[in-house]
């Protein structure tokens, strides 16, 4: 089995538009959550959201390529540019190698809604333009990026709710580990517009602590009242160890475990057994002792039942070692389809800069979170192994373990 390493990362989120900005935000415990009056006017119960800037690609990408990009694909494009540059994969290298793409995405609501609205108004489908179909398909990210960057390897989208980005990285890990690919662009993307989140708001899933947006996302806190929607994109370049060393590429970390499971029960409620099985599978993949895990980036979205079950699962598996735990969603909100990828990027930035970002807004533990070693402030500490959890509707669970690279 091949060793699988990470040679490039890119990020575009409410914490910043490149790795330097994001590292600073993580270290400072800076929230990216704001109040959006447009959502309130539109009829949302909660007007809270992550503030993600929209990149301007004019002059950077030709019109022919731009017209097919959905909102989330635009985010993914800029994140992937960053990651490929760091990984030292230029056009010449890509043209001579079968670089693949596995990207997590589970909606393209804005593009669909805009197309339908135009048809209703004009009564003429020909006015949609040639790019509409490529924006509205769920595989909008992988189909656009594979074309723009001229990728020749594996090419499809992972659609697994809020675990999409994590599963994309996990499946990429297995593809490279088994020798089927040498390099894969992996990641997750999430549109941030109102159309993507109306149904979530209708379920009462969002926090209504609108008087102080930066305090609203409260993972593991007893007084949490719901999640905050957010998004953007994160890209992680996976590569076989042999390929990375041969190219002289930077090695940011090594994937040593991917655990997955399905709860097989309720469509939206989590359960303890499924999460524990995913955690144990990740640990057993390459016989990683629980003692090696020094930090856990929890899925914890700031919902009552979700945080409760994850705290119980983490306590069951790690009660003997009590590693530091934090949920970066306290700062970003829930980045949904991208979260499993962005939280790998966030954790890599912490590991490679010797600090653990805080779980901000954690003031009052409940009976389950009190059993965890939750980082309530930035901790200056070296660590060489972390685990990241991602769970989603339909009972899909994913756990990834990353270690610092050692020859």
Protein backbone atom coordinates (compact mmCIF):
# COMPACT_ATOMS: atom_id res chain seq x y z
CA UNK A 1 0.00 0.00 0.00
CA UNK A 2 1.28 3.48 -0.92
CA UNK A 3 1.76 6.20 1.66
CA UNK A 4 -0.56 9.15 0.97
CA UNK A 5 0.60 12.68 1.67
CA UNK A 6 -0.79 16.20 1.32
CA UNK A 7 1.30 18.51 -0.85
CA UNK A 8 -0.94 21.55 -1.26
CA UNK A 9 -3.91 23.29 0.38
CA UNK A 10 -6.14 26.20 -0.61
CA UNK A 11 -8.97 27.91 1.23
CA UNK A 12 -11.62 30.55 0.59
CA UNK A 13 -13.88 31.01 3.58
CA UNK A 14 -15.37 33.51 6.01
CA UNK A 15 -12.07 33.36 7.92
CA UNK A 16 -10.04 34.58 4.96
CA UNK A 17 -9.28 34.11 1.29
CA UNK A 18 -5.88 32.44 1.61
CA UNK A 19 -3.97 30.32 4.10
CA UNK A 20 -2.21 33.29 5.71
CA UNK A 21 -5.42 35.18 6.47
CA UNK A 22 -7.10 32.02 7.71
CA UNK A 23 -4.16 31.11 9.96
CA UNK A 24 -4.34 34.53 11.57
CA UNK A 25 -8.10 34.25 12.11
CA UNK A 26 -7.79 30.79 13.64
CA UNK A 27 -5.04 31.89 16.00
CA UNK A 28 -7.00 34.99 17.05
CA UNK A 29 -10.27 33.09 17.51
CA UNK A 30 -11.91 35.49 15.06
CA UNK A 31 -15.50 34.83 14.00
CA UNK A 32 -16.69 35.26 10.41
CA UNK A 33 -20.41 35.32 11.27
CA UNK A 34 -22.59 38.34 10.39
CA UNK A 35 -26.25 39.43 10.29
CA UNK A 36 -27.66 39.51 6.74
CA UNK A 37 -30.66 41.83 6.43
CA UNK A 38 -31.51 40.43 2.98
CA UNK A 39 -32.28 37.05 4.53
CA UNK A 40 -34.56 38.62 7.11
CA UNK A 41 -36.40 40.55 4.40
CA UNK A 42 -36.70 37.36 2.35
CA UNK A 43 -38.50 35.57 5.18
CA UNK A 44 -35.78 33.74 7.05
CA UNK A 45 -36.30 32.99 10.71
CA UNK A 46 -32.55 33.53 11.21
CA UNK A 47 -30.53 36.09 9.26
CA UNK A 48 -27.15 34.85 10.48
CA UNK A 49 -24.54 33.61 7.99
CA UNK A 50 -20.84 33.34 7.34
CA UNK A 51 -19.58 36.32 5.33
CA UNK A 52 -17.76 34.85 2.32
CA UNK A 53 -16.47 37.35 -0.30
CA UNK A 54 -17.20 36.60 -3.93
CA UNK A 55 -14.02 36.44 -6.05
CA UNK A 56 -13.87 38.49 -9.25
CA UNK A 57 -12.49 36.26 -11.99
CA UNK A 58 -12.64 38.78 -14.83
CA UNK A 59 -9.19 39.14 -16.29
CA UNK A 60 -8.10 35.94 -14.55
CA UNK A 61 -10.24 33.41 -16.40
CA UNK A 62 -11.75 33.59 -19.87
CA UNK A 63 -15.47 34.15 -20.36
CA UNK A 64 -15.95 30.70 -21.89
CA UNK A 65 -14.74 29.11 -18.65
CA UNK A 66 -16.47 31.61 -16.35
CA UNK A 67 -19.99 31.14 -17.69
CA UNK A 68 -20.19 27.54 -16.51
CA UNK A 69 -19.09 28.25 -12.95
CA UNK A 70 -21.69 28.20 -10.18
CA UNK A 71 -21.11 30.18 -6.99
CA UNK A 72 -19.51 27.22 -5.22
CA UNK A 73 -17.42 26.36 -8.28
CA UNK A 74 -15.99 29.89 -8.25
CA UNK A 75 -14.92 29.41 -4.65
CA UNK A 76 -13.46 26.02 -5.52
CA UNK A 77 -11.54 27.42 -8.48
CA UNK A 78 -9.68 30.02 -6.40
CA UNK A 79 -8.99 27.52 -3.60
CA UNK A 80 -7.63 25.02 -6.12
CA UNK A 81 -5.38 27.62 -7.73
CA UNK A 82 -3.79 28.17 -4.33
CA UNK A 83 -3.40 24.45 -3.64
CA UNK A 84 -1.90 23.58 -7.02
CA UNK A 85 0.60 26.42 -6.69
CA UNK A 86 1.73 25.23 -3.26
CA UNK A 87 1.96 21.64 -4.53
CA UNK A 88 4.12 22.83 -7.45
CA UNK A 89 1.76 21.34 -10.01
CA UNK A 90 1.90 23.61 -13.05
CA UNK A 91 0.24 23.24 -16.45
CA UNK A 92 3.15 21.26 -17.86
CA UNK A 93 3.07 18.73 -15.02
CA UNK A 94 -0.70 18.32 -15.24
CA UNK A 95 -0.55 17.84 -19.02
CA UNK A 96 1.91 14.95 -18.61
CA UNK A 97 0.24 13.17 -15.67
CA UNK A 98 -3.16 11.72 -14.80
CA UNK A 99 -4.12 14.12 -12.03
CA UNK A 100 -7.65 13.36 -10.79
CA UNK A 101 -10.38 15.28 -8.98
CA UNK A 102 -12.78 14.16 -6.26
CA UNK A 103 -14.77 17.09 -4.89
CA UNK A 104 -17.54 17.23 -2.34
CA UNK A 105 -20.69 19.15 -3.26
CA UNK A 106 -24.36 18.50 -2.53
CA UNK A 107 -26.31 21.40 -4.03
CA UNK A 108 -26.32 24.08 -6.68
CA UNK A 109 -29.54 25.76 -5.63
CA UNK A 110 -28.87 29.31 -6.78
CA UNK A 111 -28.15 28.33 -10.36
CA UNK A 112 -31.30 26.20 -10.53
CA UNK A 113 -33.50 28.91 -9.00
CA UNK A 114 -32.16 31.64 -11.28
CA UNK A 115 -32.78 29.47 -14.34
CA UNK A 116 -36.35 28.65 -13.33
CA UNK A 117 -37.12 32.29 -12.48
CA UNK A 118 -35.86 33.40 -15.89
CA UNK A 119 -37.96 30.79 -17.71
CA UNK A 120 -41.07 31.80 -15.76
CA UNK A 121 -40.50 35.46 -16.59
CA UNK A 122 -39.51 35.17 -20.25
CA UNK A 123 -41.30 31.95 -21.26
CA UNK A 124 -38.24 31.05 -23.32
CA UNK A 125 -35.65 28.45 -22.31
CA UNK A 126 -33.21 29.56 -25.02
CA UNK A 127 -32.47 32.69 -22.99
CA UNK A 128 -30.77 30.67 -20.25
CA UNK A 129 -27.45 30.60 -22.08
CA UNK A 130 -24.99 27.77 -22.54
CA UNK A 131 -23.50 27.98 -19.06
CA UNK A 132 -26.70 27.41 -17.09
CA UNK A 133 -26.67 23.62 -17.26
CA UNK A 134 -23.06 23.43 -16.09
CA UNK A 135 -23.79 25.72 -13.15
CA UNK A 136 -26.88 23.84 -12.02
CA UNK A 137 -25.64 20.24 -12.06
CA UNK A 138 -24.54 18.82 -8.71
CA UNK A 139 -21.17 17.94 -10.25
CA UNK A 140 -20.61 21.58 -11.22
CA UNK A 141 -17.31 21.78 -9.33
CA UNK A 142 -15.63 18.65 -10.59
CA UNK A 143 -16.83 19.06 -14.18
CA UNK A 144 -15.69 22.70 -14.39
CA UNK A 145 -12.35 22.30 -12.63
CA UNK A 146 -11.43 19.17 -14.55
CA UNK A 147 -12.00 21.11 -17.76
CA UNK A 148 -10.31 24.36 -16.72
CA UNK A 149 -7.23 22.68 -15.28
CA UNK A 150 -7.27 19.91 -17.92
CA UNK A 151 -7.19 17.09 -15.39
CA UNK A 152 -6.95 13.60 -16.88
CA UNK A 153 -7.43 11.28 -13.91
CA UNK A 154 -10.48 10.21 -11.92
CA UNK A 155 -13.29 12.78 -12.10
CA UNK A 156 -16.50 12.81 -10.08
CA UNK A 157 -18.40 14.51 -7.28
CA UNK A 158 -18.95 13.14 -3.79
CA UNK A 159 -22.46 13.93 -2.58
CA UNK A 160 -22.80 13.03 1.09
CA UNK A 161 -24.42 15.98 2.86
CA UNK A 162 -22.17 17.62 5.45
CA UNK A 163 -19.58 14.85 5.19
CA UNK A 164 -19.06 15.38 1.45
CA UNK A 165 -15.67 17.10 1.67
CA UNK A 166 -14.34 14.58 4.18
CA UNK A 167 -15.45 11.57 2.13
CA UNK A 168 -13.85 13.12 -0.97
CA UNK A 169 -10.50 13.19 0.82
CA UNK A 170 -11.04 9.71 2.25
CA UNK A 171 -11.85 8.20 -1.15
CA UNK A 172 -8.87 10.00 -2.68
CA UNK A 173 -6.70 8.49 0.04
CA UNK A 174 -7.86 4.99 -0.88
CA UNK A 175 -7.40 5.58 -4.62
CA UNK A 176 -3.79 6.61 -4.11
CA UNK A 177 -3.08 4.07 -1.38
CA UNK A 178 -4.16 1.26 -3.69
CA UNK A 179 -2.06 2.56 -6.59
CA UNK A 180 -4.95 3.51 -8.88
CA UNK A 181 -3.90 7.19 -8.96
CA UNK A 182 -0.78 9.17 -8.09
CA UNK A 183 -2.23 12.66 -7.56
CA UNK A 184 -5.81 13.80 -6.84
CA UNK A 185 -7.33 17.24 -6.28
CA UNK A 186 -9.76 16.74 -3.38
CA UNK A 187 -11.96 19.16 -1.51
CA UNK A 188 -15.39 20.49 -0.69
CA UNK A 189 -17.45 23.51 -1.76
CA UNK A 190 -20.59 25.18 -0.42
CA UNK A 191 -22.72 27.97 -1.87
CA UNK A 192 -23.64 30.63 0.69
CA UNK A 193 -26.76 32.16 -0.89
CA UNK A 194 -30.27 32.14 0.59
CA UNK A 195 -31.65 29.58 -1.86
CA UNK A 196 -29.32 26.90 -0.48
CA UNK A 197 -30.45 27.34 3.12
CA UNK A 198 -34.15 28.16 3.19
CA UNK A 199 -35.20 24.61 4.00
CA UNK A 200 -32.67 24.41 6.83
CA UNK A 201 -34.09 27.61 8.27
CA UNK A 202 -37.59 26.20 7.94
CA UNK A 203 -36.60 23.25 10.12
CA UNK A 204 -35.63 25.64 12.90
CA UNK A 205 -32.04 24.41 12.69
CA UNK A 206 -30.43 27.87 12.80
CA UNK A 207 -29.48 29.98 15.78
CA UNK A 208 -31.65 33.04 16.33
CA UNK A 209 -29.11 34.80 18.56
CA UNK A 210 -29.12 37.70 16.10
CA UNK A 211 -28.25 40.46 18.59
CA UNK A 212 -24.59 39.34 18.66
CA UNK A 213 -23.73 37.30 15.54
CA UNK A 214 -20.16 36.45 16.57
CA UNK A 215 -21.47 34.83 19.76
CA UNK A 216 -24.21 32.79 18.08
CA UNK A 217 -22.29 29.65 17.08
CA UNK A 218 -21.68 27.83 20.38
CA UNK A 219 -20.57 24.22 19.79
CA UNK A 220 -20.76 22.05 22.93
CA UNK A 221 -22.06 24.97 25.03
CA UNK A 222 -25.11 24.25 27.16
CA UNK A 223 -26.86 27.37 25.82
CA UNK A 224 -26.41 26.60 22.11
CA UNK A 225 -29.57 27.17 20.07
CA UNK A 226 -28.66 26.08 16.55
CA UNK A 227 -26.09 26.24 13.78
CA UNK A 228 -25.07 29.11 11.46
CA UNK A 229 -24.90 28.47 7.69
CA UNK A 230 -21.64 29.29 5.93
CA UNK A 231 -19.55 28.13 3.02
CA UNK A 232 -16.79 28.73 0.50
CA UNK A 233 -14.34 26.08 -0.67
CA UNK A 234 -11.27 24.17 0.46
CA UNK A 235 -8.89 22.15 -1.70
CA UNK A 236 -6.41 19.50 -0.54
CA UNK A 237 -3.91 17.99 -3.00
CA UNK A 238 -3.31 14.31 -2.24
CA UNK A 239 -0.30 12.51 -3.67
CA UNK A 240 1.60 9.30 -3.26
CA UNK A 241 4.68 9.67 -1.09
CA UNK A 242 6.91 8.43 -3.91
CA UNK A 243 5.55 11.01 -6.34
CA UNK A 244 5.89 13.86 -3.85
CA UNK A 245 9.49 13.00 -3.00
CA UNK A 246 10.43 12.55 -6.65
CA UNK A 247 9.03 15.99 -7.49
CA UNK A 248 10.48 17.72 -4.45
CA UNK A 249 7.00 18.82 -3.45
CA UNK A 250 6.28 20.19 0.03
CA UNK A 251 4.71 17.58 2.33
CA UNK A 252 2.24 19.16 4.77
CA UNK A 253 0.97 15.96 6.36
CA UNK A 254 0.27 12.27 5.82
CA UNK A 255 -3.16 10.64 5.88
CA UNK A 256 -3.06 7.53 8.04
CA UNK A 257 -6.72 6.80 8.66
CA UNK A 258 -10.18 7.11 7.11
CA UNK A 259 -13.17 5.69 8.91
CA UNK A 260 -16.73 5.71 7.63
CA UNK A 261 -20.11 4.35 8.58
CA UNK A 262 -23.85 4.76 8.20
CA UNK A 263 -26.15 5.06 11.18
CA UNK A 264 -28.93 3.16 9.44
CA UNK A 265 -31.60 4.91 11.48
CA UNK A 266 -33.15 8.39 11.43
CA UNK A 267 -32.64 10.56 8.35
CA UNK A 268 -31.57 13.66 10.30
CA UNK A 269 -30.79 12.59 13.87
CA UNK A 270 -27.33 11.18 14.66
CA UNK A 271 -26.62 8.17 16.84
CA UNK A 272 -23.73 7.07 19.03
CA UNK A 273 -22.97 3.70 17.46
CA UNK A 274 -22.38 5.01 13.93
CA UNK A 275 -19.95 7.67 15.05
CA UNK A 276 -18.01 5.30 17.29
CA UNK A 277 -17.68 2.79 14.44
CA UNK A 278 -16.27 5.47 12.11
CA UNK A 279 -13.79 6.62 14.76
CA UNK A 280 -12.60 3.10 15.48
CA UNK A 281 -12.25 2.27 11.77
CA UNK A 282 -10.02 5.32 11.25
CA UNK A 283 -7.84 4.34 14.21
CA UNK A 284 -7.52 0.73 13.07
CA UNK A 285 -6.68 1.54 9.43
CA UNK A 286 -2.97 1.81 10.16
CA UNK A 287 -3.07 0.80 13.82
CA UNK A 288 -2.97 4.33 15.19
CA UNK A 289 -3.03 4.22 19.01
CA UNK A 290 -5.50 6.61 20.67
CA UNK A 291 -2.48 8.09 22.47
CA UNK A 292 -1.20 9.46 19.15
CA UNK A 293 -4.23 11.71 18.65
CA UNK A 294 -3.35 15.05 20.25
CA UNK A 295 -6.11 17.20 18.77
CA UNK A 296 -9.64 16.56 17.49
CA UNK A 297 -11.44 18.99 15.20
CA UNK A 298 -14.99 18.08 16.11
CA UNK A 299 -17.91 18.13 13.70
CA UNK A 300 -19.96 19.87 16.43
CA UNK A 301 -22.29 22.28 14.64
CA UNK A 302 -23.89 23.97 17.69
CA UNK A 303 -27.09 21.92 17.67
CA UNK A 304 -28.44 20.28 20.81
CA UNK A 305 -28.65 16.68 19.68
CA UNK A 306 -25.67 16.68 17.30
CA UNK A 307 -23.14 17.98 19.79
CA UNK A 308 -24.53 15.67 22.47
CA UNK A 309 -23.92 12.47 20.50
CA UNK A 310 -20.50 13.53 19.27
CA UNK A 311 -19.38 14.39 22.80
CA UNK A 312 -20.53 10.95 23.92
CA UNK A 313 -18.70 9.25 21.02
CA UNK A 314 -15.47 11.15 21.66
CA UNK A 315 -15.62 10.33 25.35
CA UNK A 316 -16.22 6.65 24.65
CA UNK A 317 -13.22 6.35 22.32
CA UNK A 318 -10.79 8.85 23.89
CA UNK A 319 -11.72 8.94 27.60
CA UNK A 320 -8.34 7.46 28.58
CA UNK A 321 -6.26 10.12 26.79
CA UNK A 322 -8.51 13.21 26.64
CA UNK A 323 -6.93 15.03 23.69
CA UNK A 324 -7.71 18.68 23.08
CA UNK A 325 -11.02 19.19 21.26
CA UNK A 326 -12.39 22.24 19.50
CA UNK A 327 -14.94 22.95 16.81
CA UNK A 328 -13.79 25.57 14.32
CA UNK A 329 -17.49 25.96 13.47
CA UNK A 330 -17.62 28.23 16.51
CA UNK A 331 -15.82 30.75 14.25
CA UNK A 332 -16.95 29.73 10.76
CA UNK A 333 -20.46 28.48 11.31
CA UNK A 334 -21.36 25.26 9.51
CA UNK A 335 -19.73 25.18 6.09
CA UNK A 336 -21.84 22.15 5.18
CA UNK A 337 -20.61 20.38 2.03
CA UNK A 338 -17.13 21.96 2.31
CA UNK A 339 -16.72 21.50 6.07
CA UNK A 340 -15.00 18.11 5.94
CA UNK A 341 -12.32 19.56 3.66
CA UNK A 342 -11.99 23.01 5.22
CA UNK A 343 -11.54 21.52 8.68
CA UNK A 344 -8.64 19.43 7.38
CA UNK A 345 -7.10 22.67 6.09
CA UNK A 346 -7.75 24.47 9.39
CA UNK A 347 -6.23 21.61 11.38
CA UNK A 348 -3.18 21.36 9.09
CA UNK A 349 -2.58 25.09 9.55
CA UNK A 350 -2.71 24.61 13.31
CA UNK A 351 -0.42 21.58 13.28
CA UNK A 352 2.15 23.24 11.04
CA UNK A 353 2.09 26.48 13.05
CA UNK A 354 2.16 24.89 16.52
CA UNK A 355 -1.14 26.02 17.98
CA UNK A 356 -4.67 24.77 18.68
CA UNK A 357 -7.49 27.13 17.74
CA UNK A 358 -10.14 27.76 20.39
CA UNK A 359 -13.72 26.61 20.59
CA UNK A 360 -14.96 30.17 21.06
CA UNK A 361 -18.24 30.91 22.86
CA UNK A 362 -17.87 27.83 25.06
CA UNK A 363 -18.87 29.12 28.51
CA UNK A 364 -21.18 26.52 30.06
CA UNK A 365 -20.57 22.80 29.49
CA UNK A 366 -23.43 20.35 29.59
CA UNK A 367 -23.17 16.90 31.13
CA UNK A 368 -21.62 15.44 27.96
CA UNK A 369 -19.25 18.21 26.89
CA UNK A 370 -17.96 18.52 30.46
CA UNK A 371 -16.24 15.17 29.91
CA UNK A 372 -14.15 16.51 27.01
CA UNK A 373 -10.92 18.51 27.09
CA UNK A 374 -12.27 21.46 25.11
CA UNK A 375 -9.85 24.23 24.19
CA UNK A 376 -11.54 27.48 25.26
CA UNK A 377 -8.63 29.70 24.22
CA UNK A 378 -5.76 29.48 21.75
CA UNK A 379 -3.18 26.97 22.97
CA UNK A 380 0.42 27.36 21.87
CA UNK A 381 1.47 23.76 21.51
CA UNK A 382 3.28 21.49 19.08
CA UNK A 383 1.35 18.39 18.04
CA UNK A 384 1.93 15.84 15.32
CA UNK A 385 -1.37 14.01 14.85
CA UNK A 386 -5.01 15.08 14.64
CA UNK A 387 -8.42 13.62 13.85
CA UNK A 388 -11.27 15.41 12.10
CA UNK A 389 -14.92 14.33 12.24
CA UNK A 390 -17.65 15.00 9.68
CA UNK A 391 -21.24 13.77 9.94
CA UNK A 392 -24.24 14.38 7.70
CA UNK A 393 -27.94 13.91 7.07
CA UNK A 394 -28.82 10.38 6.14
CA UNK A 395 -26.54 9.09 8.89
CA UNK A 396 -23.27 9.34 6.94
CA UNK A 397 -20.13 9.52 9.10
CA UNK A 398 -16.48 10.19 8.22
CA UNK A 399 -13.35 10.44 10.37
CA UNK A 400 -9.90 11.31 9.02
CA UNK A 401 -6.53 11.05 10.78
CA UNK A 402 -3.55 13.15 9.63
CA UNK A 403 0.02 12.97 10.95
CA UNK A 404 3.01 15.21 10.49
CA UNK A 405 5.25 13.88 7.77
CA UNK A 406 8.19 11.77 8.85
CA UNK A 407 10.50 10.20 6.21
